Amino acid sequence: MLQVAFIRQETALAKERLALKNFGELNLVEEVIALDDQRKKIQLEFDTIQSKINAASKTIGQLMGKGLKEEAEKAKQEVTALKQQTAGFDQQLAETEKKIHEILLRLPNLPSDKVLAGKSAADNIVVREGGNKPVLPAGAVPHWELIKQYDLIDFETGAKITGSGFPLYKGKGAKLQRALIQYFLDYNTNAGYTEYLPPFMVNEASAYGTGQLPDKEGQMYYMEADNFYLIPTSEVPVTNIYRDEILKEENLPVKMTAYSPCFRREAGSFGKDVRGLNRVHQFEKVEIVQLVHPAKSYEVLEEMVEHVEGLVKSLGLPYRILKLCGGDMGFASALTYDFEVFSAAQERWLEVSSVSNFEAFQANRAKIRFKDEKGKNQLLHTLNGSSLALPRIVACLLENNQTETGIRLPEVLHSYFGVAEIK
């Protein structure tokens, strides 16, 4: 969440950076300032009257001490009249501050000065590529055909149990999911991340804390009876572990990783984009989250990108890393890198990870702070990345490694899956 003081001091910059994200309600910046002016005016009037009350109350004590009861009684009446004037101030302040807070919640994070202008994914910049695109055997088919051929996932029964976009993994398909999850977690914990298994539902405060609300309200599954939300990513509960907490500077960075199922109501586009595992309502993902000192967050962002890159490399998948333009960035992000892997049978790139620096945006919303060396409380910076999202990784592993006799698995998965090939 942006801070009012920053918006007041850097109004032109705030509008410029919001425009870079193609934010369509720049008028909200001026509304915040106008409401803050109103808040200050109410506060000044209240403080002025309160000062008179304090002075009059002091006078009453002095008059009583001198035995001047009649004068003291007049002073008491004056205090009573002044207090009546302040009767509505608390409510006015509360209503004004609520309006300011509601607008601030609607303002996205400002993109970093490292972010380039652009309106859509077509304007993203490829930072680097790696791996080799495979040459598939004659008769190679996309993953949704391989899934049927090897009896790995049952979309029809999943749709019967729940609905479209809820796959039912079975046999070797379920085992492959489990192998990938365990490998991803081990890869992350070996790099110093502490593993968590968080709740898969969060309350409203947690969803607001990481910026899912109000931005993604329509994309999350909502449990009305309990006012809970099914998580779209484990970033939400994991980051909120430290909501309303003050950490010690010497304990930074905090490195966390977690597996969770992820639930997203809006599956998105149509046609080839939603075939098979390309886009589903429920999927599994392993996440990494860091809470860091503000001075080190961009250094840490590059380290996290390298960490995810190493994981993708270990799977032997051709990949590319993109720096997102302003118009394609998420609500809470200040800078995001996307990872895409090449789906050989579909001949297209599929996103499998986003690694983002949120700077102090989430920390301000969730009140996650640290005490610096001078003993002053400061907002820290939060970062997160997918390490990795499974559905499209599975799709590419199946397609890119298909042979005439089976599907070869990357060597790093052999010990987790138990065999080297799905036959």
Protein backbone atom coordinates (compact mmCIF):
# COMPACT_ATOMS: atom_id res chain seq x y z
CA MET A 1 0.00 0.00 0.00
CA LEU A 2 1.28 3.45 -0.90
CA GLN A 3 1.77 5.97 1.87
CA VAL A 4 -0.07 9.31 1.98
CA ALA A 5 3.12 11.20 2.86
CA PHE A 6 4.82 9.90 -0.30
CA ILE A 7 1.80 10.72 -2.48
CA ARG A 8 1.76 14.29 -1.13
CA GLN A 9 5.50 14.84 -1.54
CA GLU A 10 5.87 13.08 -4.92
CA THR A 11 2.47 13.60 -6.54
CA ALA A 12 3.78 13.97 -10.10
CA LEU A 13 6.06 10.93 -9.73
CA ALA A 14 3.23 8.82 -8.29
CA LYS A 15 1.00 9.66 -11.26
CA GLU A 16 3.83 9.02 -13.72
CA ARG A 17 4.63 5.59 -12.28
CA LEU A 18 0.94 4.60 -11.99
CA ALA A 19 0.47 5.58 -15.64
CA LEU A 20 3.37 3.24 -16.50
CA LYS A 21 1.21 0.43 -15.12
CA ASN A 22 -1.65 1.66 -17.30
CA PHE A 23 -3.65 2.42 -14.16
CA GLY A 24 -6.85 4.11 -15.28
CA GLU A 25 -7.84 6.00 -12.14
CA LEU A 26 -5.11 8.59 -11.67
CA ASN A 27 -7.76 10.92 -10.21
CA LEU A 28 -7.55 8.84 -7.02
CA VAL A 29 -4.18 10.43 -6.29
CA GLU A 30 -5.78 13.87 -6.05
CA GLU A 31 -8.71 12.43 -4.09
CA VAL A 32 -6.32 11.07 -1.46
CA ILE A 33 -4.63 14.45 -1.12
CA ALA A 34 -7.98 16.28 -0.84
CA LEU A 35 -9.20 13.85 1.81
CA ASP A 36 -5.94 14.18 3.71
CA ASP A 37 -6.35 17.97 3.65
CA GLN A 38 -9.84 17.47 5.05
CA ARG A 39 -8.49 15.13 7.73
CA LYS A 40 -5.84 17.66 8.74
CA LYS A 41 -8.45 20.44 8.95
CA ILE A 42 -10.70 18.35 11.20
CA GLN A 43 -7.72 17.37 13.35
CA LEU A 44 -6.60 21.02 13.68
CA GLU A 45 -10.08 22.15 14.72
CA PHE A 46 -10.27 19.34 17.25
CA ASP A 47 -6.80 20.08 18.64
CA THR A 48 -7.62 23.80 18.95
CA ILE A 49 -10.78 23.11 20.93
CA GLN A 50 -9.03 20.46 23.02
CA SER A 51 -6.30 22.99 23.85
CA LYS A 52 -8.98 25.39 25.11
CA ILE A 53 -10.53 22.60 27.19
CA ASN A 54 -7.16 21.77 28.74
CA ALA A 55 -6.49 25.45 29.54
CA ALA A 56 -9.96 25.90 31.04
CA SER A 57 -9.62 22.73 33.11
CA LYS A 58 -6.33 24.01 34.52
CA THR A 59 -8.01 27.31 35.37
CA ILE A 60 -10.82 25.49 37.21
CA GLY A 61 -8.27 23.82 39.47
CA GLN A 62 -6.59 27.14 40.22
CA LEU A 63 -9.93 28.88 40.95
CA MET A 64 -11.04 26.06 43.23
CA GLY A 65 -7.73 26.30 45.04
CA LYS A 66 -8.37 29.98 45.70
CA GLY A 67 -11.94 29.32 46.86
CA LEU A 68 -13.48 31.16 43.89
CA LYS A 69 -16.32 28.68 43.38
CA GLU A 70 -18.55 30.96 41.28
CA GLU A 71 -15.76 31.65 38.76
CA ALA A 72 -14.86 27.98 38.78
CA GLU A 73 -18.46 27.05 37.97
CA LYS A 74 -18.46 29.41 34.97
CA ALA A 75 -15.24 27.79 33.75
CA LYS A 76 -16.86 24.34 34.08
CA GLN A 77 -19.77 25.49 31.93
CA GLU A 78 -17.29 26.72 29.34
CA VAL A 79 -15.59 23.31 29.33
CA THR A 80 -18.95 21.58 28.91
CA ALA A 81 -19.78 23.81 25.92
CA LEU A 82 -16.39 23.14 24.35
CA LYS A 83 -16.76 19.37 24.79
CA GLN A 84 -20.12 19.52 23.02
CA GLN A 85 -18.34 21.11 20.05
CA THR A 86 -16.00 18.13 19.81
CA ALA A 87 -18.81 15.56 19.95
CA GLY A 88 -18.79 14.80 16.21
CA PHE A 89 -15.08 15.14 15.55
CA ASP A 90 -14.17 11.52 16.31
CA GLN A 91 -16.76 10.27 13.84
CA GLN A 92 -15.69 12.78 11.18
CA LEU A 93 -12.06 11.76 11.56
CA ALA A 94 -12.89 8.06 11.46
CA GLU A 95 -15.02 8.45 8.31
CA THR A 96 -12.37 10.53 6.54
CA GLU A 97 -9.57 8.14 7.44
CA LYS A 98 -11.70 5.20 6.26
CA LYS A 99 -12.20 6.88 2.87
CA ILE A 100 -8.45 7.51 2.57
CA HIS A 101 -7.70 3.87 3.46
CA GLU A 102 -10.23 2.54 0.94
CA ILE A 103 -8.67 4.58 -1.86
CA LEU A 104 -5.13 3.57 -0.88
CA LEU A 105 -6.19 -0.09 -1.11
CA ARG A 106 -7.23 0.49 -4.72
CA LEU A 107 -3.91 2.01 -5.75
CA PRO A 108 -1.41 -0.53 -7.15
CA ASN A 109 2.25 -0.52 -6.24
CA LEU A 110 4.47 1.85 -8.19
CA PRO A 111 6.72 0.09 -10.70
CA SER A 112 10.45 0.36 -10.15
CA ASP A 113 12.44 2.76 -12.30
CA LYS A 114 13.93 -0.41 -13.84
CA VAL A 115 10.54 -1.19 -15.46
CA LEU A 116 10.04 -0.30 -19.12
CA ALA A 117 6.87 1.14 -20.64
CA GLY A 118 4.47 -1.21 -22.40
CA LYS A 119 0.83 -2.19 -22.51
CA SER A 120 0.79 -5.98 -22.72
CA ALA A 121 2.85 -9.18 -22.74
CA ALA A 122 3.89 -8.33 -26.30
CA ASP A 123 6.02 -5.50 -24.87
CA ASN A 124 7.95 -7.65 -22.38
CA ILE A 125 11.71 -7.96 -22.84
CA VAL A 126 13.52 -11.31 -23.09
CA VAL A 127 16.47 -11.10 -20.69
CA ARG A 128 18.07 -14.42 -21.61
CA GLU A 129 17.33 -17.92 -22.89
CA GLY A 130 18.72 -21.30 -22.01
CA GLY A 131 18.47 -24.97 -22.90
CA ASN A 132 17.87 -26.58 -26.27
CA LYS A 133 14.54 -27.14 -27.94
CA PRO A 134 14.12 -30.89 -28.48
CA VAL A 135 13.59 -32.59 -31.82
CA LEU A 136 10.51 -34.74 -31.31
CA PRO A 137 10.02 -38.15 -32.92
CA ALA A 138 7.58 -38.62 -35.76
CA GLY A 139 4.03 -38.83 -34.50
CA ALA A 140 4.72 -36.73 -31.38
CA VAL A 141 1.56 -35.44 -29.73
CA PRO A 142 0.69 -32.70 -27.20
CA HIS A 143 0.48 -33.51 -23.50
CA TRP A 144 -3.30 -33.89 -23.40
CA GLU A 145 -2.93 -36.87 -25.74
CA LEU A 146 0.01 -38.29 -23.76
CA ILE A 147 -2.04 -38.02 -20.57
CA LYS A 148 -4.67 -40.33 -22.09
CA GLN A 149 -2.11 -42.66 -23.66
CA TYR A 150 -0.28 -43.23 -20.36
CA ASP A 151 -3.38 -42.92 -18.14
CA LEU A 152 -1.90 -40.14 -15.98
CA ILE A 153 -4.74 -37.66 -15.48
CA ASP A 154 -8.53 -38.03 -15.75
CA PHE A 155 -10.11 -34.69 -16.67
CA GLU A 156 -13.57 -36.18 -17.23
CA THR A 157 -13.84 -37.70 -13.76
CA GLY A 158 -12.40 -34.54 -12.23
CA ALA A 159 -15.15 -32.58 -13.97
CA LYS A 160 -17.74 -35.04 -12.63
CA ILE A 161 -16.43 -34.71 -9.07
CA THR A 162 -16.11 -30.92 -9.13
CA GLY A 163 -16.20 -29.20 -12.51
CA SER A 164 -14.14 -28.30 -15.55
CA GLY A 165 -10.57 -27.31 -14.70
CA PHE A 166 -10.20 -29.65 -11.71
CA PRO A 167 -7.96 -32.52 -12.91
CA LEU A 168 -7.87 -35.90 -11.18
CA TYR A 169 -4.29 -37.22 -11.10
CA LYS A 170 -3.94 -40.99 -10.90
CA GLY A 171 -1.28 -43.69 -10.82
CA LYS A 172 1.99 -42.50 -12.32
CA GLY A 173 0.48 -39.07 -12.89
CA ALA A 174 -0.11 -38.62 -9.16
CA LYS A 175 3.33 -40.04 -8.42
CA LEU A 176 4.96 -37.59 -10.82
CA GLN A 177 3.22 -34.71 -9.06
CA ARG A 178 4.48 -35.94 -5.70
CA ALA A 179 8.03 -36.43 -7.06
CA LEU A 180 8.17 -32.91 -8.47
CA ILE A 181 6.82 -31.32 -5.28
CA GLN A 182 9.36 -33.16 -3.14
CA TYR A 183 12.23 -32.31 -5.49
CA PHE A 184 11.28 -28.62 -5.61
CA LEU A 185 11.03 -28.41 -1.82
CA ASP A 186 14.36 -30.17 -1.34
CA TYR A 187 15.98 -27.85 -3.90
CA ASN A 188 14.70 -24.84 -1.97
CA THR A 189 15.53 -26.07 1.53
CA ASN A 190 19.05 -26.98 0.39
CA ALA A 191 19.40 -23.29 -0.55
CA GLY A 192 18.53 -22.18 2.97
CA TYR A 193 14.76 -21.77 2.74
CA THR A 194 12.70 -22.98 5.71
CA GLU A 195 9.82 -25.21 4.69
CA TYR A 196 6.25 -24.46 5.76
CA LEU A 197 2.94 -26.20 5.16
CA PRO A 198 0.45 -23.32 5.52
CA PRO A 199 -3.36 -23.25 5.73
CA PHE A 200 -4.99 -23.39 2.31
CA MET A 201 -7.63 -20.84 3.29
CA VAL A 202 -6.96 -17.32 4.59
CA ASN A 203 -8.99 -14.63 6.26
CA GLU A 204 -9.75 -11.23 4.78
CA ALA A 205 -6.88 -9.48 6.59
CA SER A 206 -4.35 -11.88 5.06
CA ALA A 207 -5.75 -11.41 1.55
CA TYR A 208 -5.58 -7.62 1.94
CA GLY A 209 -2.08 -7.88 3.40
CA THR A 210 -0.51 -9.33 0.24
CA GLY A 211 -2.68 -7.34 -2.19
CA GLN A 212 -5.02 -10.10 -3.40
CA LEU A 213 -7.88 -7.93 -2.13
CA PRO A 214 -9.38 -5.87 -3.55
CA ASP A 215 -7.48 -6.49 -6.81
CA LYS A 216 -8.26 -10.21 -7.32
CA GLU A 217 -11.54 -10.53 -5.45
CA GLY A 218 -13.31 -12.01 -8.47
CA GLN A 219 -10.55 -14.56 -9.08
CA MET A 220 -10.57 -16.16 -5.63
CA TYR A 221 -12.98 -18.77 -4.29
CA TYR A 222 -14.85 -17.30 -1.32
CA MET A 223 -16.29 -19.16 1.68
CA GLU A 224 -19.09 -16.77 2.62
CA ALA A 225 -20.17 -18.55 5.82
CA ASP A 226 -16.70 -18.16 7.35
CA ASN A 227 -15.40 -15.15 5.39
CA PHE A 228 -12.40 -17.20 4.22
CA TYR A 229 -10.72 -17.32 0.81
CA LEU A 230 -9.10 -20.35 -0.85
CA ILE A 231 -5.55 -19.31 -1.58
CA PRO A 232 -4.45 -18.51 -5.17
CA THR A 233 -0.83 -19.14 -4.09
CA SER A 234 1.00 -20.00 -0.87
CA GLU A 235 2.62 -16.56 -1.05
CA VAL A 236 -0.50 -15.28 0.74
CA PRO A 237 -0.41 -17.37 3.95
CA VAL A 238 3.41 -17.56 4.06
CA THR A 239 3.94 -13.79 3.84
CA ASN A 240 1.22 -13.27 6.45
CA ILE A 241 3.11 -15.41 8.97
CA TYR A 242 4.83 -12.14 9.90
CA ARG A 243 1.82 -9.83 9.60
CA ASP A 244 1.77 -7.28 12.47
CA GLU A 245 5.23 -8.45 13.56
CA ILE A 246 8.45 -6.52 14.22
CA LEU A 247 11.58 -8.50 13.35
CA LYS A 248 15.14 -7.91 14.47
CA GLU A 249 17.42 -6.59 11.76
CA GLU A 250 20.00 -9.28 12.48
CA ASN A 251 17.39 -11.96 11.68
CA LEU A 252 16.99 -10.75 8.09
CA PRO A 253 16.64 -12.14 5.52
CA VAL A 254 13.79 -14.53 6.32
CA LYS A 255 13.70 -17.25 3.64
CA MET A 256 10.58 -19.44 3.40
CA THR A 257 9.29 -22.08 1.00
CA ALA A 258 5.95 -23.87 0.88
CA TYR A 259 3.95 -26.32 -1.18
CA SER A 260 0.22 -25.79 -1.62
CA PRO A 261 -2.63 -26.41 -3.98
CA CYS A 262 -3.70 -23.15 -5.61
CA PHE A 263 -7.25 -22.18 -6.51
CA ARG A 264 -8.17 -19.63 -9.18
CA ARG A 265 -11.74 -19.13 -10.30
CA GLU A 266 -10.96 -17.21 -13.47
CA ALA A 267 -9.19 -19.69 -15.71
CA GLY A 268 -8.68 -17.03 -18.36
CA SER A 269 -8.59 -17.41 -22.12
CA PHE A 270 -10.10 -19.95 -24.48
CA GLY A 271 -9.13 -22.40 -27.20
CA LYS A 272 -5.62 -23.84 -27.22
CA ASP A 273 -4.68 -21.80 -24.12
CA VAL A 274 -6.89 -23.98 -21.91
CA ARG A 275 -6.26 -27.42 -23.40
CA GLY A 276 -5.10 -30.03 -20.92
CA LEU A 277 -2.89 -28.58 -18.19
CA ASN A 278 -2.32 -25.21 -19.83
CA ARG A 279 -4.82 -23.47 -17.56
CA VAL A 280 -6.81 -25.04 -14.71
CA HIS A 281 -8.76 -23.90 -11.66
CA GLN A 282 -6.80 -26.05 -9.17
CA PHE A 283 -3.09 -26.77 -9.43
CA GLU A 284 -0.03 -27.44 -7.26
CA LYS A 285 2.84 -25.05 -6.77
CA VAL A 286 5.95 -24.63 -4.65
CA GLU A 287 6.70 -21.05 -3.66
CA ILE A 288 9.67 -19.17 -2.25
CA VAL A 289 9.24 -15.99 -0.18
CA GLN A 290 11.85 -13.66 1.31
CA LEU A 291 11.58 -10.80 3.80
CA VAL A 292 14.66 -8.62 3.44
CA HIS A 293 16.32 -5.34 4.34
CA PRO A 294 15.16 -2.63 1.87
CA ALA A 295 18.74 -1.87 0.82
CA LYS A 296 19.23 -5.47 -0.37
CA SER A 297 15.92 -6.32 -2.06
CA TYR A 298 17.04 -5.90 -5.68
CA GLU A 299 20.20 -7.88 -5.03
CA VAL A 300 18.02 -10.61 -3.51
CA LEU A 301 15.64 -10.44 -6.49
CA GLU A 302 18.49 -11.33 -8.85
CA GLU A 303 19.55 -14.15 -6.51
CA MET A 304 16.01 -15.55 -6.54
CA VAL A 305 15.90 -15.37 -10.35
CA GLU A 306 19.18 -17.33 -10.49
CA HIS A 307 17.76 -19.83 -7.99
CA VAL A 308 14.69 -20.51 -10.12
CA GLU A 309 16.80 -20.58 -13.27
CA GLY A 310 18.96 -23.30 -11.75
CA LEU A 311 15.85 -25.34 -10.95
CA VAL A 312 14.50 -25.06 -14.50
CA LYS A 313 17.94 -25.97 -15.90
CA SER A 314 18.07 -29.08 -13.73
CA LEU A 315 14.89 -30.32 -15.42
CA GLY A 316 16.52 -30.00 -18.84
CA LEU A 317 13.78 -27.74 -20.19
CA PRO A 318 14.41 -24.97 -22.74
CA TYR A 319 13.48 -21.70 -21.09
CA ARG A 320 13.53 -17.95 -21.36
CA ILE A 321 13.38 -15.17 -18.76
CA LEU A 322 11.37 -12.04 -19.43
CA LYS A 323 11.34 -8.69 -17.67
CA LEU A 324 7.73 -7.54 -17.57
CA CYS A 325 6.72 -4.14 -18.89
CA GLY A 326 4.58 -1.81 -16.80
CA GLY A 327 1.30 -2.81 -18.42
CA ASP A 328 1.80 -6.55 -17.82
CA MET A 329 2.84 -6.36 -14.16
CA GLY A 330 0.79 -7.49 -11.19
CA PHE A 331 -1.02 -5.16 -8.82
CA ALA A 332 1.47 -5.47 -5.96
CA SER A 333 4.72 -5.83 -7.91
CA ALA A 334 7.47 -3.24 -8.33
CA LEU A 335 9.46 -5.45 -10.71
CA THR A 336 8.71 -8.93 -12.07
CA TYR A 337 10.62 -11.53 -14.07
CA ASP A 338 8.64 -14.31 -15.73
CA PHE A 339 10.02 -17.74 -16.62
CA GLU A 340 8.62 -19.56 -19.64
CA VAL A 341 9.46 -23.06 -20.83
CA PHE A 342 9.07 -24.23 -24.41
CA SER A 343 6.34 -26.75 -25.11
CA ALA A 344 7.72 -28.64 -28.09
CA ALA A 345 4.55 -30.42 -29.21
CA GLN A 346 2.47 -27.24 -28.94
CA GLU A 347 5.34 -25.11 -30.28
CA ARG A 348 4.70 -22.34 -27.79
CA TRP A 349 6.13 -20.84 -24.61
CA LEU A 350 4.31 -21.50 -21.32
CA GLU A 351 4.76 -19.43 -18.17
CA VAL A 352 5.87 -21.49 -15.16
CA SER A 353 7.15 -18.89 -12.69
CA SER A 354 7.01 -15.24 -11.73
CA VAL A 355 9.67 -13.78 -9.45
CA SER A 356 8.77 -10.38 -8.02
CA ASN A 357 10.00 -7.65 -5.72
CA PHE A 358 7.12 -5.90 -3.95
CA GLU A 359 9.41 -3.46 -2.13
CA ALA A 360 7.48 -2.14 0.94
CA PHE A 361 4.01 -2.43 -0.66
CA GLN A 362 2.94 -5.67 1.04
CA ALA A 363 4.88 -4.88 4.21
CA ASN A 364 2.97 -1.61 4.64
CA ARG A 365 -0.39 -3.31 4.11
CA ALA A 366 0.49 -6.20 6.44
CA LYS A 367 2.51 -4.09 8.91
CA ILE A 368 5.63 -6.25 8.64
CA ARG A 369 8.52 -4.27 10.10
CA PHE A 370 12.02 -4.60 11.49
CA LYS A 371 13.86 -2.63 14.15
CA ASP A 372 16.95 -1.01 12.69
CA GLU A 373 20.28 -0.41 14.46
CA LYS A 374 18.99 2.91 15.83
CA GLY A 375 15.98 1.18 17.38
CA LYS A 376 13.53 2.66 14.87
CA ASN A 377 10.81 0.52 13.28
CA GLN A 378 11.11 0.33 9.48
CA LEU A 379 9.11 -1.41 6.76
CA LEU A 380 11.03 -4.28 5.21
CA HIS A 381 10.75 -5.49 1.60
CA THR A 382 8.98 -8.68 0.49
CA LEU A 383 9.77 -10.86 -2.52
CA ASN A 384 8.35 -14.10 -3.86
CA GLY A 385 8.70 -16.51 -6.73
CA SER A 386 7.20 -19.72 -8.09
CA SER A 387 9.65 -22.54 -7.65
CA LEU A 388 7.81 -23.97 -9.55
CA ALA A 389 4.18 -24.17 -10.73
CA LEU A 390 3.53 -27.79 -11.69
CA PRO A 391 0.87 -28.02 -14.42
CA ARG A 392 2.83 -26.48 -17.29
CA ILE A 393 6.09 -28.02 -16.07
CA VAL A 394 4.38 -31.42 -16.28
CA ALA A 395 3.00 -30.55 -19.72
CA CYS A 396 6.46 -29.67 -21.04
CA LEU A 397 8.18 -32.62 -19.38
CA LEU A 398 5.73 -35.00 -21.02
CA GLU A 399 5.86 -33.38 -24.46
CA ASN A 400 9.57 -32.63 -24.68
CA ASN A 401 10.70 -36.03 -23.39
CA GLN A 402 8.38 -38.33 -25.34
CA THR A 403 9.99 -41.15 -27.28
CA GLU A 404 8.61 -44.03 -29.30
CA THR A 405 8.73 -46.26 -26.21
CA GLY A 406 7.87 -43.93 -23.34
CA ILE A 407 8.55 -40.63 -21.61
CA ARG A 408 12.09 -40.12 -20.30
CA LEU A 409 12.32 -38.23 -17.02
CA PRO A 410 15.12 -35.81 -16.06
CA GLU A 411 17.90 -37.47 -14.09
CA VAL A 412 17.17 -35.32 -11.01
CA LEU A 413 13.75 -36.98 -10.74
CA HIS A 414 14.88 -40.60 -11.00
CA SER A 415 15.34 -41.11 -7.27
CA TYR A 416 12.09 -39.29 -6.47
CA PHE A 417 9.98 -41.10 -9.05
CA GLY A 418 11.72 -44.47 -8.72
CA VAL A 419 12.31 -45.14 -12.42
CA ALA A 420 13.86 -43.22 -15.30
CA GLU A 421 11.01 -43.57 -17.76
CA ILE A 422 7.24 -43.67 -17.85
CA LYS A 423 6.34 -46.56 -20.17
